[in-house]
Amino acid sequence: MKAVVERVREKTPIPVYERTIENVLSAIFASRDPWRIVDLSEEPLPLVVAVIEALHELGYVEFKDGIILTQKGKELVEKYGIGKREDYTCRHCQGKTVELNAFSDL
C-alpha cells in the first residue's frame, strides 16, 4: 500500500493517505464506471485519477470495459480487508435529509 501512496504523491500535490487508496479501491470493487468510482470514493476527482493511474502502473487495475481490479488488485483488497463500497443514500430524498413522513398527509 505504501508503494501506491508514494507513487500518487509523485503525481499530485493533493495530500494522499493509505485511507485514500482504500477508498478508491473499495469504489473500484463496487463499480467499473469512472464517475461512479469518484462518487463512491468521496475523494477529489484529480486525486482519484492519480490513484487509478498509480494502481494501473503497479498492475492492480486494468482498463477493460471500465476500470477493473486485476488478480493482483483483488489480492491487495483481500489482504487489507477492503470491502465493496455501498451507497446508502435514500432513494426517496436522494440524500437531502427530507423526512417523508412529515408530508404523509399531502
Protein backbone atom coordinates (compact mmCIF):
# COMPACT_ATOMS: atom_id res chain seq x y z
CA MET A 1 0.00 0.00 0.00
CA LYS A 2 2.87 2.36 0.78
CA ALA A 3 4.19 1.95 -2.77
CA VAL A 4 0.85 3.15 -4.14
CA VAL A 5 0.81 6.14 -1.76
CA GLU A 6 4.34 7.12 -2.80
CA ARG A 7 3.51 6.78 -6.50
CA VAL A 8 0.44 9.01 -6.07
CA ARG A 9 2.48 11.62 -4.16
CA GLU A 10 4.75 11.88 -7.21
CA LYS A 11 1.72 12.68 -9.38
CA THR A 12 -0.18 15.25 -7.34
CA PRO A 13 0.29 17.85 -4.60
CA ILE A 14 -3.05 16.81 -3.07
CA PRO A 15 -2.48 15.05 0.27
CA VAL A 16 -2.85 11.28 -0.04
CA TYR A 17 -3.02 8.65 2.68
CA GLU A 18 -3.48 4.89 2.82
CA ARG A 19 -7.15 5.52 3.60
CA THR A 20 -7.43 7.42 0.30
CA ILE A 21 -6.17 4.36 -1.57
CA GLU A 22 -8.57 2.14 0.37
CA ASN A 23 -11.50 4.43 -0.52
CA VAL A 24 -10.67 4.27 -4.23
CA LEU A 25 -10.06 0.50 -4.20
CA SER A 26 -13.36 -0.01 -2.40
CA ALA A 27 -15.14 2.07 -5.03
CA ILE A 28 -13.44 0.18 -7.89
CA PHE A 29 -14.54 -3.06 -6.21
CA ALA A 30 -18.14 -1.76 -6.40
CA SER A 31 -18.19 -0.22 -9.90
CA ARG A 32 -16.34 -0.15 -13.22
CA ASP A 33 -17.63 3.32 -14.09
CA PRO A 34 -15.01 6.08 -13.51
CA TRP A 35 -17.61 8.67 -12.48
CA ARG A 36 -19.26 6.27 -10.06
CA ILE A 37 -15.83 5.43 -8.61
CA VAL A 38 -15.23 9.13 -7.94
CA ASP A 39 -18.67 9.43 -6.35
CA LEU A 40 -18.35 6.33 -4.16
CA SER A 41 -14.78 7.06 -3.07
CA GLU A 42 -15.74 10.55 -1.84
CA GLU A 43 -12.28 11.76 -2.89
CA PRO A 44 -11.49 14.70 -5.23
CA LEU A 45 -11.51 13.87 -8.94
CA PRO A 46 -7.82 14.75 -9.57
CA LEU A 47 -6.79 12.57 -6.64
CA VAL A 48 -8.90 9.63 -7.81
CA VAL A 49 -7.35 9.92 -11.28
CA ALA A 50 -3.84 9.93 -9.77
CA VAL A 51 -4.67 6.90 -7.60
CA ILE A 52 -6.12 4.96 -10.54
CA GLU A 53 -3.07 5.79 -12.69
CA ALA A 54 -0.75 4.58 -9.91
CA LEU A 55 -2.80 1.41 -9.40
CA HIS A 56 -2.64 0.77 -13.16
CA GLU A 57 1.13 1.34 -13.32
CA LEU A 58 1.61 -1.10 -10.44
CA GLY A 59 -0.64 -3.73 -12.04
CA TYR A 60 -3.57 -3.55 -9.60
CA VAL A 61 -6.18 -2.36 -12.11
CA GLU A 62 -6.73 -2.59 -15.84
CA PHE A 63 -8.87 -0.65 -18.26
CA LYS A 64 -11.18 -3.16 -19.91
CA ASP A 65 -14.78 -2.07 -20.41
CA GLY A 66 -14.27 0.30 -17.48
CA ILE A 67 -11.85 0.10 -14.57
CA ILE A 68 -11.47 -3.34 -13.02
CA LEU A 69 -9.25 -4.97 -10.43
CA THR A 70 -6.67 -7.41 -11.74
CA GLN A 71 -5.96 -10.62 -9.85
CA LYS A 72 -3.13 -8.74 -8.13
CA GLY A 73 -5.61 -5.98 -7.23
CA LYS A 74 -8.10 -8.49 -5.82
CA GLU A 75 -5.33 -9.97 -3.68
CA LEU A 76 -4.44 -6.49 -2.38
CA VAL A 77 -8.08 -5.79 -1.50
CA GLU A 78 -8.33 -9.15 0.28
CA LYS A 79 -5.04 -8.64 2.12
CA TYR A 80 -6.22 -5.34 3.60
CA GLY A 81 -9.81 -6.48 4.18
CA ILE A 82 -11.26 -3.81 1.92
CA GLY A 83 -14.95 -4.35 1.19
CA LYS A 84 -17.16 -3.14 -1.61
CA ARG A 85 -18.27 0.48 -1.13
CA GLU A 86 -22.04 0.71 -0.83
CA ASP A 87 -24.21 3.76 -1.41
CA TYR A 88 -26.82 4.14 1.32
CA THR A 89 -28.30 7.39 0.03
CA CYS A 90 -32.06 7.44 0.47
CA ARG A 91 -33.66 6.79 -2.91
CA HIS A 92 -36.70 8.85 -2.00
CA CYS A 93 -34.97 12.08 -0.99
CA GLN A 94 -31.60 11.36 -2.64
CA GLY A 95 -29.71 12.39 0.48
CA LYS A 96 -31.42 15.72 1.03
CA THR A 97 -32.45 14.63 4.56
CA VAL A 98 -36.10 15.28 3.85
CA GLU A 99 -38.34 13.37 6.24
CA LEU A 100 -41.04 11.88 4.01
CA ASN A 101 -43.33 11.05 6.95
CA ALA A 102 -43.71 14.77 7.64
CA PHE A 103 -45.58 15.06 4.34
CA SER A 104 -47.68 11.89 4.61
CA ASP A 105 -50.97 13.82 4.83
CA LEU A 106 -50.40 15.51 1.45
